[in-house]
C-alpha atoms as a PDB file:
ATOM      1  CA  MET A   1    -100.519 -36.200  14.101  1.00  0.00           C
ATOM      2  CA  SER A   2    -100.564 -32.793  12.475  1.00  0.00           C
ATOM      3  CA  PRO A   3    -100.231 -32.677   8.670  1.00  0.00           C
ATOM      4  CA  ILE A   4     -97.913 -29.680   9.037  1.00  0.00           C
ATOM      5  CA  ARG A   5     -94.652 -30.179  10.877  1.00  0.00           C
ATOM      6  CA  PRO A   6     -93.473 -27.230  12.931  1.00  0.00           C
ATOM      7  CA  ARG A   7     -90.109 -25.768  12.029  1.00  0.00           C
ATOM      8  CA  ARG A   8     -88.066 -25.436  15.173  1.00  0.00           C
ATOM      9  CA  HIS A   9     -85.691 -22.504  15.596  1.00  0.00           C
ATOM     10  CA  LEU A  10     -86.928 -20.743  12.465  1.00  0.00           C
ATOM     11  CA  ILE A  11     -86.256 -17.042  12.693  1.00  0.00           C
ATOM     12  CA  SER A  12     -87.712 -14.798  10.049  1.00  0.00           C
ATOM     13  CA  VAL A  13     -88.152 -11.069   9.741  1.00  0.00           C
ATOM     14  CA  ILE A  14     -91.299  -9.839   8.074  1.00  0.00           C
ATOM     15  CA  SER A  15     -92.146  -6.311   7.093  1.00  0.00           C
ATOM     16  CA  GLU A  16     -94.460  -4.095   9.083  1.00  0.00           C
ATOM     17  CA  ALA A  17     -97.007  -4.295   6.251  1.00  0.00           C
ATOM     18  CA  ASP A  18     -96.938  -8.110   6.445  1.00  0.00           C
ATOM     19  CA  GLY A  19     -97.531  -7.871  10.176  1.00  0.00           C
ATOM     20  CA  GLU A  20    -100.578  -5.695   9.517  1.00  0.00           C
ATOM     21  CA  VAL A  21    -101.918  -8.258   7.029  1.00  0.00           C
ATOM     22  CA  TYR A  22    -101.443 -11.020   9.603  1.00  0.00           C
ATOM     23  CA  GLY A  23    -103.118  -8.971  12.317  1.00  0.00           C
ATOM     24  CA  LYS A  24    -106.092  -8.275  10.080  1.00  0.00           C
ATOM     25  CA  TYR A  25    -106.778 -11.897   9.089  1.00  0.00           C
ATOM     26  CA  ALA A  26    -105.226 -14.079  11.822  1.00  0.00           C
ATOM     27  CA  ASP A  27    -108.346 -14.625  13.930  1.00  0.00           C
ATOM     28  CA  GLU A  28    -110.456 -15.676  10.955  1.00  0.00           C
ATOM     29  CA  LEU A  29    -107.711 -17.948   9.603  1.00  0.00           C
ATOM     30  CA  ILE A  30    -107.212 -19.585  13.001  1.00  0.00           C
ATOM     31  CA  ARG A  31    -110.951 -20.258  13.327  1.00  0.00           C
ATOM     32  CA  PHE A  32    -110.946 -21.879   9.877  1.00  0.00           C
ATOM     33  CA  ALA A  33    -107.798 -23.926  10.531  1.00  0.00           C
ATOM     34  CA  THR A  34    -109.134 -25.049  13.905  1.00  0.00           C
ATOM     35  CA  GLY A  35    -112.166 -26.480  12.121  1.00  0.00           C
ATOM     36  CA  VAL A  36    -109.917 -28.331   9.667  1.00  0.00           C
ATOM     37  CA  VAL A  37    -107.072 -29.668  11.847  1.00  0.00           C
ATOM     38  CA  GLY A  38    -108.463 -29.294  15.369  1.00  0.00           C
ATOM     39  CA  PRO A  39    -108.043 -26.872  18.251  1.00  0.00           C
ATOM     40  CA  ASP A  40    -104.543 -28.022  19.204  1.00  0.00           C
ATOM     41  CA  ASP A  41    -103.026 -27.584  15.737  1.00  0.00           C
ATOM     42  CA  GLY A  42    -105.081 -24.714  14.242  1.00  0.00           C
ATOM     43  CA  PRO A  43    -102.894 -21.800  15.413  1.00  0.00           C
ATOM     44  CA  ASP A  44     -99.685 -23.655  14.486  1.00  0.00           C
ATOM     45  CA  ALA A  45    -101.020 -24.461  11.017  1.00  0.00           C
ATOM     46  CA  VAL A  46    -101.855 -20.796  10.420  1.00  0.00           C
ATOM     47  CA  SER A  47     -98.522 -19.460  11.643  1.00  0.00           C
ATOM     48  CA  THR A  48     -96.641 -22.000   9.515  1.00  0.00           C
ATOM     49  CA  ALA A  49     -98.693 -21.211   6.410  1.00  0.00           C
ATOM     50  CA  VAL A  50     -98.429 -17.452   6.887  1.00  0.00           C
ATOM     51  CA  LEU A  51     -94.687 -17.601   7.464  1.00  0.00           C
ATOM     52  CA  ARG A  52     -94.237 -19.722   4.341  1.00  0.00           C
ATOM     53  CA  THR A  53     -96.325 -17.242   2.372  1.00  0.00           C
ATOM     54  CA  PHE A  54     -94.463 -14.163   3.608  1.00  0.00           C
ATOM     55  CA  THR A  55     -91.060 -15.733   2.910  1.00  0.00           C
ATOM     56  CA  SER A  56     -92.036 -17.058  -0.523  1.00  0.00           C
ATOM     57  CA  PRO A  57     -90.455 -15.431  -3.585  1.00  0.00           C
ATOM     58  CA  ALA A  58     -93.987 -15.147  -4.982  1.00  0.00           C
ATOM     59  CA  TRP A  59     -95.064 -12.831  -2.117  1.00  0.00           C
ATOM     60  CA  PRO A  60     -94.732  -9.257  -3.373  1.00  0.00           C
ATOM     61  CA  PRO A  61     -92.207  -7.066  -1.583  1.00  0.00           C
ATOM     62  CA  PRO A  62     -93.276  -3.561  -0.604  1.00  0.00           C
ATOM     63  CA  SER A  63     -93.055  -1.128  -3.485  1.00  0.00           C
ATOM     64  CA  PRO A  64     -90.329   1.501  -3.052  1.00  0.00           C
ATOM     65  CA  ILE A  65     -92.118   3.824  -5.473  1.00  0.00           C
ATOM     66  CA  ARG A  66     -94.158   6.533  -3.796  1.00  0.00           C
ATOM     67  CA  PRO A  67     -96.937   8.342  -5.632  1.00  0.00           C
ATOM     68  CA  ASP A  68     -96.139  11.791  -6.961  1.00  0.00           C
ATOM     69  CA  ARG A  69     -98.368  13.946  -4.775  1.00  0.00           C
ATOM     70  CA  SER A  70     -97.511  17.102  -6.680  1.00  0.00           C
ATOM     71  CA  ARG A  71     -99.603  15.970  -9.672  1.00  0.00           C
ATOM     72  CA  LYS A  72    -103.345  16.523  -9.577  1.00  0.00           C
ATOM     73  CA  PRO A  73    -105.703  13.754 -10.693  1.00  0.00           C
ATOM     74  CA  ALA A  74    -107.336  14.210 -14.103  1.00  0.00           C
ATOM     75  CA  GLY A  75    -110.488  16.310 -13.928  1.00  0.00           C
ATOM     76  CA  THR A  76    -109.427  18.216 -10.832  1.00  0.00           C
ATOM     77  CA  PRO A  77    -110.547  21.853 -11.116  1.00  0.00           C
ATOM     78  CA  THR A  78    -107.862  24.488 -10.780  1.00  0.00           C
ATOM     79  CA  LEU A  79    -108.331  27.680  -8.797  1.00  0.00           C
ATOM     80  CA  LYS A  80    -107.685  30.913 -10.642  1.00  0.00           C
END
């Protein structure tokens, strides 16, 4: 029996940035989880853990603040 119970009919919307994070690390996480819980439950364990992480209040939301591109970094030479 798997230590993580699947949540049936759970619908969640994650941001595009979260999807990029998942895409970047999913294969490595699934390989690790497969070694811990077995090949049948590894992918389910990862998807459950990632979904819990992305929907947690502790997971940072995307920042709405954009950098001010009109300001030059300190030490940038100016053309005269």
